[in-house]
Amino acid sequence: MSDTKKKKIIENEIKKDIEDIREEYMINNFTNENIFETLFSGFSILRYKIGMYWIPIILYLIILCGYILFTHSYSEFSTAFVAGIIMYIVYFCVDFIYQLILCKDTKFPPLIINSLLNSFIPAIFVIFGYIIAISLKDVKECNPNLENLNLGITNQQNNIYTTFTNTDVTRLTNIHRNNIIVSIFAYIFSIIYTNPFNKKKCNNNNLC
């Protein structure tokens, strides 16, 4: 057998392996194994098709909340774009790590391009979700004034309560809570939008 034929056979085997990986780990593809079998089999929670739902959300929450509290950001509009950037970076990092683990036969540059492309739509959805939530009413008033209310409490109790409810943390929480919740739902929707359930031909996730 010539070297050319050997090389072609090896290339075909690698190509087949990559196709098998794509089909097995395709997000929202449960044709071979239904969603319940996928969720409750072994360490399925860490599998690519499941992990991309919750791992970026956890990291996104931690980093975004840290940013809001550290910078005392009261602007929902500017924070929306920061949220999008955070999600883009987080999604890229998580996706790229998975690609390195799963796609051992694929060269490094294509994996980077895959993760860069995969991160774009979730980040856009997060930005729009955050902006849409600006129209929602805050959870409660940020600066309650209890002096004119007949609640039967002393001035000292009033001052303590007002001080507690007027801290930076509570004000920032009131301002950004709805935005964060809606942006998370927008992220989940972006995964479903780009990867329809059990529709292989419509799956837009780049893997290997």
Protein backbone atom coordinates (compact mmCIF):
# COMPACT_ATOMS: atom_id res chain seq x y z
CA MET A 1 0.00 0.00 0.00
CA SER A 2 1.41 3.37 -1.00
CA ASP A 3 2.01 6.17 1.46
CA THR A 4 -0.66 8.27 -0.27
CA LYS A 5 -3.32 5.59 0.32
CA LYS A 6 -2.22 5.13 3.94
CA LYS A 7 -2.43 8.85 4.51
CA LYS A 8 -5.91 8.98 2.95
CA ILE A 9 -7.11 6.09 5.14
CA ILE A 10 -5.81 7.84 8.26
CA GLU A 11 -7.47 11.10 7.23
CA ASN A 12 -10.77 9.32 6.65
CA GLU A 13 -10.55 7.66 10.07
CA ILE A 14 -9.86 11.00 11.74
CA LYS A 15 -12.75 12.57 9.83
CA LYS A 16 -15.08 9.78 10.94
CA ASP A 17 -13.97 10.16 14.56
CA ILE A 18 -14.67 13.88 14.42
CA GLU A 19 -18.13 13.27 12.94
CA ASP A 20 -18.89 10.76 15.70
CA ILE A 21 -17.82 13.28 18.36
CA ARG A 22 -19.95 16.00 16.79
CA GLU A 23 -23.01 13.76 16.76
CA GLU A 24 -22.51 12.45 20.30
CA TYR A 25 -21.90 15.87 21.87
CA MET A 26 -24.17 17.94 19.65
CA ILE A 27 -26.06 20.38 21.89
CA ASN A 28 -29.80 19.60 22.15
CA ASN A 29 -29.44 16.43 20.09
CA PHE A 30 -31.21 13.64 21.98
CA THR A 31 -32.04 11.33 19.08
CA ASN A 32 -29.76 8.51 20.24
CA GLU A 33 -30.28 9.07 23.95
CA ASN A 34 -33.30 10.96 25.29
CA ILE A 35 -32.91 13.95 27.56
CA PHE A 36 -33.70 12.02 30.76
CA GLU A 37 -31.16 9.31 29.99
CA THR A 38 -28.61 12.01 29.22
CA LEU A 39 -29.27 13.90 32.46
CA PHE A 40 -29.25 10.92 34.79
CA SER A 41 -26.42 8.81 33.39
CA GLY A 42 -23.09 9.01 35.20
CA PHE A 43 -21.45 12.43 35.17
CA SER A 44 -23.80 13.70 32.47
CA ILE A 45 -24.05 17.08 34.17
CA LEU A 46 -20.48 17.72 33.04
CA ARG A 47 -21.00 16.55 29.46
CA TYR A 48 -20.56 19.21 26.80
CA LYS A 49 -24.21 19.33 25.70
CA ILE A 50 -25.34 19.81 29.33
CA GLY A 51 -22.39 21.72 30.76
CA MET A 52 -22.75 24.55 28.24
CA TYR A 53 -26.15 25.31 29.75
CA TRP A 54 -25.10 25.87 33.36
CA ILE A 55 -21.32 26.36 33.67
CA PRO A 56 -21.22 29.68 31.74
CA ILE A 57 -24.22 30.92 33.78
CA ILE A 58 -22.49 30.25 37.12
CA LEU A 59 -19.28 31.98 36.01
CA TYR A 60 -21.27 34.82 34.43
CA LEU A 61 -23.16 35.44 37.69
CA ILE A 62 -20.02 35.44 39.83
CA ILE A 63 -18.05 37.78 37.56
CA LEU A 64 -20.94 40.16 36.77
CA CYS A 65 -22.02 40.49 40.41
CA GLY A 66 -18.40 41.10 41.39
CA TYR A 67 -18.11 43.79 38.72
CA ILE A 68 -21.34 45.52 39.81
CA LEU A 69 -20.41 45.54 43.50
CA PHE A 70 -16.79 46.52 42.91
CA THR A 71 -17.53 49.38 40.50
CA HIS A 72 -20.84 50.44 42.14
CA SER A 73 -22.37 50.49 38.66
CA TYR A 74 -25.86 52.01 38.80
CA SER A 75 -26.20 52.31 35.01
CA GLU A 76 -28.21 49.38 33.67
CA PHE A 77 -27.53 50.31 30.06
CA SER A 78 -23.73 50.35 30.31
CA THR A 79 -23.78 47.23 32.49
CA ALA A 80 -25.73 45.45 29.74
CA PHE A 81 -22.74 45.74 27.39
CA VAL A 82 -20.35 44.68 30.16
CA ALA A 83 -22.62 41.67 30.77
CA GLY A 84 -22.40 40.78 27.08
CA ILE A 85 -18.61 41.02 27.10
CA ILE A 86 -18.41 38.90 30.25
CA MET A 87 -20.66 36.23 28.72
CA TYR A 88 -18.62 36.25 25.51
CA ILE A 89 -15.37 35.69 27.40
CA VAL A 90 -16.88 33.11 29.76
CA TYR A 91 -18.57 31.15 26.98
CA PHE A 92 -15.40 31.23 24.89
CA CYS A 93 -13.25 29.91 27.75
CA VAL A 94 -15.65 27.11 28.72
CA ASP A 95 -16.31 26.11 25.11
CA PHE A 96 -12.62 26.18 24.23
CA ILE A 97 -11.69 23.94 27.19
CA TYR A 98 -14.33 21.43 26.12
CA GLN A 99 -13.07 21.57 22.53
CA LEU A 100 -9.52 20.87 23.67
CA ILE A 101 -10.71 17.86 25.66
CA LEU A 102 -13.02 16.41 22.99
CA CYS A 103 -11.26 17.30 19.74
CA LYS A 104 -7.79 15.87 20.17
CA ASP A 105 -7.39 15.21 16.45
CA THR A 106 -8.22 18.79 15.46
CA LYS A 107 -5.53 21.44 15.23
CA PHE A 108 -5.41 24.36 17.66
CA PRO A 109 -6.44 27.32 15.39
CA PRO A 110 -9.76 25.80 14.20
CA LEU A 111 -10.74 25.15 17.82
CA ILE A 112 -10.16 28.81 18.69
CA ILE A 113 -12.25 29.91 15.70
CA ASN A 114 -15.03 27.50 16.70
CA SER A 115 -15.20 28.93 20.23
CA LEU A 116 -15.06 32.52 19.00
CA LEU A 117 -18.01 31.88 16.69
CA ASN A 118 -19.98 29.90 19.27
CA SER A 119 -19.66 32.72 21.83
CA PHE A 120 -21.11 35.47 19.65
CA ILE A 121 -24.87 34.76 19.70
CA PRO A 122 -25.13 34.01 23.46
CA ALA A 123 -23.36 37.31 24.20
CA ILE A 124 -25.72 39.26 21.90
CA PHE A 125 -28.79 37.66 23.50
CA VAL A 126 -27.49 38.53 26.98
CA ILE A 127 -27.04 42.18 26.00
CA PHE A 128 -30.56 42.44 24.59
CA GLY A 129 -32.03 40.56 27.55
CA TYR A 130 -30.33 42.92 29.98
CA ILE A 131 -31.53 46.00 28.06
CA ILE A 132 -35.11 44.71 27.75
CA ALA A 133 -35.26 44.22 31.53
CA ILE A 134 -34.56 47.94 32.07
CA SER A 135 -38.27 48.54 31.45
CA LEU A 136 -39.20 46.25 34.37
CA LYS A 137 -39.96 47.78 37.74
CA ASP A 138 -37.32 47.41 40.46
CA VAL A 139 -37.98 44.85 43.16
CA LYS A 140 -38.59 47.54 45.77
CA GLU A 141 -37.91 51.21 46.40
CA CYS A 142 -34.23 51.98 46.70
CA ASN A 143 -34.62 54.93 49.04
CA PRO A 144 -37.55 54.27 51.37
CA ASN A 145 -38.73 57.20 53.47
CA LEU A 146 -40.40 55.99 56.63
CA GLU A 147 -40.75 59.28 58.47
CA ASN A 148 -44.17 60.07 57.05
CA LEU A 149 -45.55 56.55 57.52
CA ASN A 150 -47.49 55.66 60.63
CA LEU A 151 -45.85 52.32 61.35
CA GLY A 152 -45.59 52.70 65.12
CA ILE A 153 -41.80 52.54 65.23
CA THR A 154 -39.35 54.78 67.00
CA ASN A 155 -36.98 57.17 65.26
CA GLN A 156 -34.07 54.97 66.27
CA GLN A 157 -35.71 51.91 64.69
CA ASN A 158 -36.52 54.01 61.64
CA ASN A 159 -32.89 55.09 61.24
CA ILE A 160 -31.63 51.53 61.61
CA TYR A 161 -34.09 50.22 59.01
CA THR A 162 -33.40 53.06 56.58
CA THR A 163 -29.63 52.57 56.93
CA PHE A 164 -29.99 48.84 56.29
CA THR A 165 -32.23 49.22 53.24
CA ASN A 166 -30.15 52.06 51.78
CA THR A 167 -26.80 50.28 51.62
CA ASP A 168 -25.00 50.12 48.28
CA VAL A 169 -25.55 46.37 48.11
CA THR A 170 -29.33 46.59 48.48
CA ARG A 171 -29.62 49.48 46.02
CA LEU A 172 -27.48 47.69 43.44
CA THR A 173 -29.44 44.47 43.99
CA ASN A 174 -32.74 46.28 43.43
CA ILE A 175 -31.47 47.89 40.24
CA HIS A 176 -29.84 44.89 38.58
CA ARG A 177 -31.73 41.83 39.86
CA ASN A 178 -34.37 41.75 37.14
CA ASN A 179 -31.79 42.48 34.45
CA ILE A 180 -29.59 39.58 35.52
CA ILE A 181 -32.53 37.15 35.67
CA VAL A 182 -33.82 38.14 32.22
CA SER A 183 -30.31 38.01 30.73
CA ILE A 184 -29.92 34.43 32.02
CA PHE A 185 -33.20 33.40 30.39
CA ALA A 186 -32.01 35.14 27.22
CA TYR A 187 -28.80 33.08 27.36
CA ILE A 188 -30.73 29.82 27.69
CA PHE A 189 -32.97 30.85 24.80
CA SER A 190 -29.89 31.59 22.68
CA ILE A 191 -28.68 28.01 23.15
CA ILE A 192 -32.07 26.65 22.09
CA TYR A 193 -32.32 29.14 19.21
CA THR A 194 -28.94 28.24 17.71
CA ASN A 195 -29.32 24.52 18.43
CA PRO A 196 -32.95 23.39 17.94
CA PHE A 197 -33.90 20.16 19.70
CA ASN A 198 -33.18 17.02 17.65
CA LYS A 199 -32.58 18.91 14.41
CA LYS A 200 -29.06 18.01 13.34
CA LYS A 201 -29.17 19.97 10.09
CA CYS A 202 -30.20 23.15 11.96
CA ASN A 203 -27.51 22.85 14.62
CA ASN A 204 -25.19 25.86 14.43
CA ASN A 205 -22.73 24.92 17.15
CA ASN A 206 -19.16 24.53 15.87
CA LEU A 207 -17.40 21.53 17.40
CA CYS A 208 -14.03 20.09 16.30
